[in-house]
Amino acid sequence: MFEVVVPGSSTRAAARTEPPGHVSEVDEATRPGPPSRAAVPAFLQHGAAWAWRFIVVAVALYIALRAVVVLRVVVIPIFVALLVAALLNPVVERLARRMPRLLATWITLLTVATSLGLLGWLLAAPIAAAAGDFTGEFDRVVADVESWLQTGPLSLSETQVDDLSRRIGSAGDGFVSGLIDEPGSTARLISEVVGGFFLALVVVFFCLKDGPEMWRWMLRRVKPVRRDDIDRAGRAAFGSLQGWLKGIAITGLVDAVLIGIALVVLGVPAALPLAVLTFFAAFFPIVGATLAGLLAVGIAAVSQGPTTALILAAVVLAIQQIEGDVLLPLVMRRQVQLHPVVILIALGVGAALAGIVGALVAVPVTAAVVAAISVIRANGDHSDELYVPGAEGAAES
């Protein structure tokens, strides 16, 4: 018997008899191989690893910020209450060593309320007198400006001056009405402010009275292995809030003293109320100092004339620039252990994201987060090496 051999049949038969998934030498030689890992530079691998993690963190932060904006009616009063509690807690702790904590809390709150009420009562008369003088002098200044527009180099007619006055008035009315989108916005704003005030007051009371118990209750919700780290991080964050308040108080006091001296030297009325207002305005970054300065300059303009107002404006501007760009960052760095550049960036980012409220909370939140992370890393990470995502896989390969 002769065996008939067909060309190529042996190869096909062998292919049929080979196990599934087997790759012949011919196919292996002709198939393109996987891309070499060395084709992607190491810096690009590390950059991509950091990039997608950064994107995830950015999305999470954006969602958290949106939630804060939606719940601002609750979040803002609670945050203000925490700041007030951080400011008053040392006093309560000192009194609680000699009396029950409940009594120490009531004494502290009543003392603060009485002091603020007494201060308001002492400043009410000078402020009211200055406001009355300001209103009368303002009308006189407006009349003088209108007369100068007609008799001065512009030589405007009475009709043109009246039209300009109406336009300015309409622009002011439009600006004020633009702050209120709906007819019910005013009532809603008042209700939110009143409700937020009482919510903050209640939270302050319980934070001062039951603060240690509340913190221990929260720690019991954490796994024992992480409890000590969370405890130290929370205490560090709370201490940073206290340091921020001390820094604001120091810079506000410096502003109030310097601007008060300038008001007295220039003979501007209501110098003491304006200095006190400048101190409290320091707790509202950017807008507080600006409004206090504008009020002082306006009173100087209508009471002492434009020359005094210009001098005071230059003095206030110089003091605020020194305070905002030099004194505040330096004091904050000592109190909350943040670099001045970080503080300025935090203020800018907070103002860009949430306006006045964002600027108010940016530095204390940043200080608290940095302090908490530093404590956790100091207790949980004893390695001095810089961790790069994906470095382990690259090293193994």
Protein backbone atom coordinates (compact mmCIF):
# COMPACT_ATOMS: atom_id res chain seq x y z
CA MET A 1 0.00 0.00 0.00
CA PHE A 2 1.26 3.38 -0.91
CA GLU A 3 0.55 6.48 1.20
CA VAL A 4 -0.44 9.50 -0.77
CA VAL A 5 1.01 12.66 0.69
CA VAL A 6 -0.74 15.90 -0.12
CA PRO A 7 1.39 19.02 0.26
CA GLY A 8 0.44 21.00 3.39
CA SER A 9 -1.78 18.23 4.71
CA SER A 10 0.69 17.23 7.37
CA THR A 11 0.77 20.76 8.73
CA ARG A 12 -3.00 20.97 8.89
CA ALA A 13 -3.22 17.54 10.49
CA ALA A 14 -0.67 18.53 13.06
CA ALA A 15 -2.60 21.71 13.73
CA ARG A 16 -5.75 19.66 14.24
CA THR A 17 -4.04 17.29 16.64
CA GLU A 18 -2.34 19.99 18.72
CA PRO A 19 -4.07 21.04 21.95
CA PRO A 20 -6.30 24.12 21.93
CA GLY A 21 -4.50 27.39 22.59
CA HIS A 22 -1.16 26.10 21.40
CA VAL A 23 0.79 28.55 19.27
CA SER A 24 3.08 27.15 16.71
CA GLU A 25 6.60 28.38 16.19
CA VAL A 26 5.64 29.90 12.87
CA ASP A 27 2.76 31.90 14.35
CA GLU A 28 4.88 32.95 17.32
CA ALA A 29 7.54 34.26 15.02
CA THR A 30 5.14 36.25 12.87
CA ARG A 31 2.90 37.63 15.68
CA PRO A 32 3.83 41.15 16.87
CA GLY A 33 4.93 41.12 20.50
CA PRO A 34 3.55 43.33 23.30
CA PRO A 35 4.93 46.85 23.56
CA SER A 36 8.04 47.08 25.66
CA ARG A 37 7.63 48.68 29.09
CA ALA A 38 10.72 50.70 28.38
CA ALA A 39 8.85 52.40 25.52
CA VAL A 40 6.95 54.51 28.13
CA PRO A 41 9.35 56.78 30.04
CA ALA A 42 9.43 56.37 33.81
CA PHE A 43 8.55 60.01 34.43
CA LEU A 44 5.42 59.61 32.29
CA GLN A 45 4.37 56.47 34.19
CA HIS A 46 4.79 58.25 37.52
CA GLY A 47 3.07 61.38 36.20
CA ALA A 48 0.08 59.37 34.99
CA ALA A 49 -0.13 57.58 38.34
CA TRP A 50 -0.20 60.90 40.19
CA ALA A 51 -2.54 62.48 37.62
CA TRP A 52 -5.44 60.07 37.96
CA ARG A 53 -5.16 60.17 41.75
CA PHE A 54 -5.21 63.96 41.60
CA ILE A 55 -8.33 63.84 39.42
CA VAL A 56 -10.10 61.56 41.90
CA VAL A 57 -9.19 63.82 44.82
CA ALA A 58 -10.24 66.95 42.88
CA VAL A 59 -13.64 65.43 42.05
CA ALA A 60 -14.13 64.42 45.68
CA LEU A 61 -13.24 67.92 46.87
CA TYR A 62 -15.58 69.48 44.33
CA ILE A 63 -18.47 67.29 45.50
CA ALA A 64 -17.67 68.17 49.11
CA LEU A 65 -17.62 71.89 48.30
CA ARG A 66 -20.93 71.66 46.48
CA ALA A 67 -22.42 69.88 49.49
CA VAL A 68 -21.12 72.65 51.75
CA VAL A 69 -22.67 75.30 49.49
CA VAL A 70 -26.03 73.54 49.49
CA LEU A 71 -25.93 73.08 53.27
CA ARG A 72 -24.39 76.48 54.03
CA VAL A 73 -27.32 77.43 56.28
CA VAL A 74 -26.19 74.67 58.65
CA VAL A 75 -22.47 74.45 57.90
CA ILE A 76 -21.64 78.13 58.42
CA PRO A 77 -23.29 78.46 61.88
CA ILE A 78 -21.61 75.24 63.01
CA PHE A 79 -18.22 76.43 61.80
CA VAL A 80 -18.68 79.81 63.51
CA ALA A 81 -19.72 77.96 66.68
CA LEU A 82 -16.55 75.87 66.55
CA LEU A 83 -14.46 79.04 66.22
CA VAL A 84 -16.19 80.67 69.18
CA ALA A 85 -15.84 77.46 71.20
CA ALA A 86 -12.14 77.30 70.34
CA LEU A 87 -11.77 80.90 71.54
CA LEU A 88 -13.65 80.40 74.82
CA ASN A 89 -12.61 76.85 75.63
CA PRO A 90 -9.41 77.81 77.53
CA VAL A 91 -11.46 80.03 79.84
CA VAL A 92 -13.98 77.26 80.50
CA GLU A 93 -11.21 74.73 81.12
CA ARG A 94 -9.58 77.03 83.65
CA LEU A 95 -12.85 77.68 85.49
CA ALA A 96 -13.87 74.00 85.36
CA ARG A 97 -10.95 73.14 87.65
CA ARG A 98 -12.67 74.97 90.52
CA MET A 99 -16.36 74.50 89.74
CA PRO A 100 -18.73 72.27 87.76
CA ARG A 101 -18.28 72.54 84.00
CA LEU A 102 -21.92 73.58 83.49
CA LEU A 103 -21.48 76.54 85.83
CA ALA A 104 -18.16 77.45 84.17
CA THR A 105 -19.86 77.43 80.75
CA TRP A 106 -22.71 79.67 81.89
CA ILE A 107 -20.33 82.12 83.59
CA THR A 108 -18.17 82.36 80.46
CA LEU A 109 -21.06 82.87 78.05
CA LEU A 110 -22.83 85.40 80.27
CA THR A 111 -19.59 87.32 80.81
CA VAL A 112 -18.94 87.50 77.07
CA ALA A 113 -22.53 88.54 76.32
CA THR A 114 -22.44 91.19 79.04
CA SER A 115 -19.11 92.54 77.83
CA LEU A 116 -20.31 92.79 74.24
CA GLY A 117 -23.55 94.45 75.35
CA LEU A 118 -21.67 96.95 77.52
CA LEU A 119 -19.29 97.72 74.68
CA GLY A 120 -22.20 98.28 72.31
CA TRP A 121 -23.91 100.55 74.82
CA LEU A 122 -20.74 102.63 75.29
CA LEU A 123 -20.25 103.00 71.55
CA ALA A 124 -23.90 103.57 70.64
CA ALA A 125 -23.95 107.28 71.48
CA PRO A 126 -20.73 108.22 69.60
CA ILE A 127 -21.79 106.13 66.61
CA ALA A 128 -25.26 107.67 66.52
CA ALA A 129 -23.82 111.19 66.75
CA ALA A 130 -21.29 110.46 64.03
CA ALA A 131 -24.01 108.94 61.83
CA GLY A 132 -26.21 112.06 62.24
CA ASP A 133 -23.32 114.35 61.41
CA PHE A 134 -22.39 112.14 58.47
CA THR A 135 -25.90 112.31 57.01
CA GLY A 136 -26.05 116.11 57.23
CA GLU A 137 -22.53 116.60 55.94
CA PHE A 138 -23.13 114.11 53.13
CA ASP A 139 -26.07 116.15 51.82
CA ARG A 140 -23.91 119.27 51.94
CA VAL A 141 -21.07 117.53 50.08
CA VAL A 142 -23.48 116.33 47.40
CA ALA A 143 -24.78 119.87 46.93
CA ASP A 144 -21.21 121.21 46.69
CA VAL A 145 -20.29 118.59 44.08
CA GLU A 146 -23.37 119.42 41.99
CA SER A 147 -22.51 123.13 42.18
CA TRP A 148 -18.91 122.43 41.13
CA LEU A 149 -20.09 120.39 38.15
CA GLN A 150 -22.04 123.41 36.92
CA THR A 151 -19.55 126.17 37.73
CA GLY A 152 -16.31 124.23 37.37
CA PRO A 153 -14.31 123.31 34.29
CA LEU A 154 -16.93 120.79 33.13
CA SER A 155 -19.63 123.51 32.88
CA LEU A 156 -22.52 121.04 32.92
CA SER A 157 -26.05 122.34 32.76
CA GLU A 158 -28.53 121.84 35.58
CA THR A 159 -30.42 119.31 33.46
CA GLN A 160 -27.26 117.28 32.87
CA VAL A 161 -26.40 117.30 36.56
CA ASP A 162 -29.90 116.16 37.49
CA ASP A 163 -29.73 113.40 34.89
CA LEU A 164 -26.33 112.28 36.24
CA SER A 165 -27.73 112.19 39.78
CA ARG A 166 -30.68 110.09 38.64
CA ARG A 167 -28.36 107.65 36.86
CA ILE A 168 -26.17 107.26 39.92
CA GLY A 169 -29.25 106.71 42.07
CA SER A 170 -30.64 104.16 39.61
CA ALA A 171 -27.31 102.31 39.55
CA GLY A 172 -27.29 102.13 43.34
CA ASP A 173 -30.87 100.89 43.44
CA GLY A 174 -30.03 98.31 40.79
CA PHE A 175 -27.04 97.08 42.77
CA VAL A 176 -29.08 96.70 45.93
CA SER A 177 -31.96 95.02 44.11
CA GLY A 178 -29.49 92.70 42.41
CA LEU A 179 -28.60 91.28 45.80
CA ILE A 180 -32.22 90.16 46.17
CA ASP A 181 -33.40 87.95 43.34
CA GLU A 182 -36.93 87.37 44.56
CA PRO A 183 -39.45 89.33 46.64
CA GLY A 184 -39.17 86.70 49.37
CA SER A 185 -35.37 86.75 49.44
CA THR A 186 -35.22 89.36 52.19
CA ALA A 187 -37.50 87.40 54.49
CA ARG A 188 -35.62 84.19 53.74
CA LEU A 189 -32.29 85.88 54.41
CA ILE A 190 -33.52 87.24 57.73
CA SER A 191 -34.86 83.84 58.74
CA GLU A 192 -31.58 82.16 57.77
CA VAL A 193 -29.53 84.67 59.75
CA VAL A 194 -31.74 84.41 62.84
CA GLY A 195 -31.91 80.63 62.63
CA GLY A 196 -28.17 80.40 62.09
CA PHE A 197 -27.52 82.65 65.08
CA PHE A 198 -29.55 80.47 67.45
CA LEU A 199 -28.08 77.28 65.98
CA ALA A 200 -24.56 78.63 66.52
CA LEU A 201 -25.45 79.69 70.07
CA VAL A 202 -26.75 76.21 70.95
CA VAL A 203 -23.74 74.50 69.38
CA VAL A 204 -21.34 76.79 71.26
CA PHE A 205 -23.05 76.01 74.56
CA PHE A 206 -22.90 72.25 74.13
CA CYS A 207 -19.36 72.32 72.74
CA LEU A 208 -18.19 74.18 75.84
CA LYS A 209 -20.27 72.14 78.26
CA ASP A 210 -19.96 68.64 76.79
CA GLY A 211 -16.98 69.05 74.48
CA PRO A 212 -14.78 66.35 76.07
CA GLU A 213 -17.66 63.86 76.28
CA MET A 214 -18.68 64.56 72.67
CA TRP A 215 -15.12 63.99 71.49
CA ARG A 216 -14.81 60.71 73.43
CA TRP A 217 -18.13 59.56 71.95
CA MET A 218 -16.80 60.25 68.45
CA LEU A 219 -13.57 58.40 69.20
CA ARG A 220 -15.53 55.33 70.28
CA ARG A 221 -16.93 55.15 66.74
CA VAL A 222 -13.39 54.64 65.43
CA LYS A 223 -11.50 51.35 65.39
CA PRO A 224 -9.17 51.02 68.40
CA VAL A 225 -6.12 50.66 66.18
CA ARG A 226 -6.67 54.17 64.76
CA ARG A 227 -8.18 55.79 67.84
CA ASP A 228 -5.00 57.33 69.23
CA ASP A 229 -4.00 58.80 65.87
CA ILE A 230 -7.45 60.34 65.34
CA ASP A 231 -7.40 61.72 68.89
CA ARG A 232 -4.04 63.42 68.39
CA ALA A 233 -5.06 64.71 64.94
CA GLY A 234 -8.30 66.19 66.26
CA ARG A 235 -6.56 67.91 69.13
CA ALA A 236 -3.95 69.32 66.76
CA ALA A 237 -6.65 70.63 64.41
CA PHE A 238 -8.50 72.25 67.32
CA GLY A 239 -5.26 73.83 68.49
CA SER A 240 -4.71 75.24 65.00
CA LEU A 241 -8.13 76.91 65.13
CA GLN A 242 -7.17 78.50 68.42
CA GLY A 243 -3.87 79.67 66.93
CA TRP A 244 -5.67 81.19 63.95
CA LEU A 245 -7.98 83.13 66.27
CA LYS A 246 -4.99 84.42 68.23
CA GLY A 247 -3.32 85.53 65.01
CA ILE A 248 -6.45 87.34 63.82
CA ALA A 249 -6.81 89.04 67.21
CA ILE A 250 -3.17 90.22 67.12
CA THR A 251 -3.39 91.64 63.61
CA GLY A 252 -6.81 93.20 64.31
CA LEU A 253 -5.45 94.88 67.43
CA VAL A 254 -2.49 96.29 65.51
CA ASP A 255 -4.81 97.61 62.79
CA ALA A 256 -7.18 99.15 65.32
CA VAL A 257 -4.40 100.90 67.26
CA LEU A 258 -2.65 102.31 64.19
CA ILE A 259 -5.82 103.45 62.43
CA GLY A 260 -7.18 104.84 65.71
CA ILE A 261 -4.02 106.92 66.16
CA ALA A 262 -4.34 108.23 62.59
CA LEU A 263 -8.00 109.17 63.23
CA VAL A 264 -7.12 111.04 66.41
CA VAL A 265 -4.21 112.89 64.78
CA LEU A 266 -6.36 113.94 61.82
CA GLY A 267 -9.22 115.00 64.10
CA VAL A 268 -11.80 112.63 62.61
CA PRO A 269 -14.87 112.25 64.86
CA ALA A 270 -15.87 108.88 66.36
CA ALA A 271 -12.25 107.71 66.40
CA LEU A 272 -12.83 105.16 69.21
CA PRO A 273 -15.89 103.49 67.60
CA LEU A 274 -14.10 103.30 64.28
CA ALA A 275 -11.03 101.70 65.92
CA VAL A 276 -13.20 99.12 67.68
CA LEU A 277 -15.03 98.42 64.42
CA THR A 278 -11.67 97.94 62.69
CA PHE A 279 -10.68 95.34 65.29
CA PHE A 280 -13.82 93.25 64.81
CA ALA A 281 -13.66 93.70 61.03
CA ALA A 282 -10.31 91.87 61.06
CA PHE A 283 -12.20 88.62 61.68
CA PHE A 284 -13.73 88.99 58.20
CA PRO A 285 -10.77 88.89 55.79
CA ILE A 286 -10.69 91.22 52.78
CA VAL A 287 -14.21 92.66 53.04
CA GLY A 288 -14.07 93.56 56.74
CA ALA A 289 -10.98 95.73 56.57
CA THR A 290 -12.16 97.29 53.29
CA LEU A 291 -15.57 98.30 54.65
CA ALA A 292 -14.10 99.63 57.90
CA GLY A 293 -11.56 101.69 55.96
CA LEU A 294 -14.19 103.05 53.55
CA LEU A 295 -16.40 104.06 56.48
CA ALA A 296 -13.53 105.90 58.17
CA VAL A 297 -12.56 107.67 54.95
CA GLY A 298 -16.19 108.63 54.27
CA ILE A 299 -16.60 110.15 57.72
CA ALA A 300 -13.31 112.03 57.29
CA ALA A 301 -14.43 113.34 53.89
CA VAL A 302 -17.71 114.79 55.12
CA SER A 303 -16.33 116.10 58.41
CA GLN A 304 -12.82 117.33 57.60
CA GLY A 305 -12.80 117.70 53.83
CA PRO A 306 -11.30 115.87 50.88
CA THR A 307 -7.68 116.57 51.83
CA THR A 308 -8.01 114.84 55.19
CA ALA A 309 -9.93 112.01 53.54
CA LEU A 310 -7.17 111.45 50.99
CA ILE A 311 -4.50 111.44 53.70
CA LEU A 312 -6.51 108.98 55.78
CA ALA A 313 -7.16 106.79 52.73
CA ALA A 314 -3.43 106.60 52.03
CA VAL A 315 -2.70 105.75 55.68
CA VAL A 316 -5.43 103.09 55.85
CA LEU A 317 -4.33 101.58 52.54
CA ALA A 318 -0.70 101.41 53.68
CA ILE A 319 -1.63 99.84 57.02
CA GLN A 320 -3.89 97.26 55.38
CA GLN A 321 -1.26 96.35 52.79
CA ILE A 322 1.39 95.88 55.47
CA GLU A 323 -1.05 93.92 57.61
CA GLY A 324 -2.32 91.71 54.79
CA ASP A 325 0.97 91.04 52.99
CA VAL A 326 3.49 91.08 55.84
CA LEU A 327 2.05 91.03 59.36
CA LEU A 328 -0.82 88.57 58.87
CA PRO A 329 1.24 85.89 57.09
CA LEU A 330 4.09 86.19 59.62
CA VAL A 331 1.80 86.02 62.64
CA MET A 332 -0.21 83.19 61.13
CA ARG A 333 2.94 81.25 60.39
CA ARG A 334 3.92 81.46 64.05
CA GLN A 335 0.43 80.57 65.31
CA VAL A 336 -0.70 77.91 62.81
CA GLN A 337 2.67 76.83 61.34
CA LEU A 338 1.82 77.76 57.77
CA HIS A 339 4.14 79.47 55.33
CA PRO A 340 3.03 83.00 54.32
CA VAL A 341 2.74 81.92 50.69
CA VAL A 342 0.41 79.06 51.70
CA ILE A 343 -1.73 81.51 53.68
CA LEU A 344 -2.01 83.94 50.77
CA ILE A 345 -2.85 81.12 48.34
CA ALA A 346 -5.46 79.74 50.75
CA LEU A 347 -7.08 83.17 51.04
CA GLY A 348 -7.14 83.59 47.26
CA VAL A 349 -8.52 80.12 46.57
CA GLY A 350 -11.15 80.43 49.29
CA ALA A 351 -12.31 83.81 48.01
CA ALA A 352 -12.44 82.50 44.42
CA LEU A 353 -14.47 79.41 45.37
CA ALA A 354 -16.91 80.81 47.92
CA GLY A 355 -16.43 84.58 48.11
CA ILE A 356 -16.37 86.19 51.53
CA VAL A 357 -17.30 82.99 53.36
CA GLY A 358 -14.55 81.11 51.54
CA ALA A 359 -11.96 83.73 52.48
CA LEU A 360 -13.16 83.58 56.10
CA VAL A 361 -12.82 79.81 56.46
CA ALA A 362 -9.89 79.16 54.09
CA VAL A 363 -7.00 79.74 56.51
CA PRO A 364 -8.45 78.00 59.60
CA VAL A 365 -9.57 74.99 57.55
CA THR A 366 -6.17 74.76 55.86
CA ALA A 367 -4.38 75.07 59.19
CA ALA A 368 -6.57 72.42 60.81
CA VAL A 369 -6.13 69.98 57.92
CA VAL A 370 -2.36 70.49 57.75
CA ALA A 371 -2.00 70.04 61.52
CA ALA A 372 -4.09 66.86 61.51
CA ILE A 373 -2.20 65.35 58.57
CA SER A 374 1.15 66.23 60.11
CA VAL A 375 0.26 64.48 63.36
CA ILE A 376 -1.02 61.38 61.57
CA ARG A 377 2.08 61.16 59.39
CA ALA A 378 4.40 61.73 62.36
CA ASN A 379 2.82 58.85 64.25
CA GLY A 380 2.10 56.47 61.37
CA ASP A 381 4.84 57.02 58.79
CA HIS A 382 8.43 56.65 59.98
CA SER A 383 9.93 56.52 56.51
CA ASP A 384 11.76 59.48 55.08
CA GLU A 385 11.49 58.22 51.52
CA LEU A 386 9.25 59.96 49.02
CA TYR A 387 6.46 57.65 47.91
CA VAL A 388 5.68 57.65 44.20
CA PRO A 389 2.59 55.73 42.99
CA GLY A 390 3.61 52.87 40.74
CA ALA A 391 7.24 52.85 41.88
CA GLU A 392 6.91 49.39 43.39
CA GLY A 393 5.78 47.84 40.11
CA ALA A 394 8.50 49.60 38.20
CA ALA A 395 11.12 48.35 40.66
CA GLU A 396 9.86 44.76 40.48
CA SER A 397 9.86 44.78 36.70
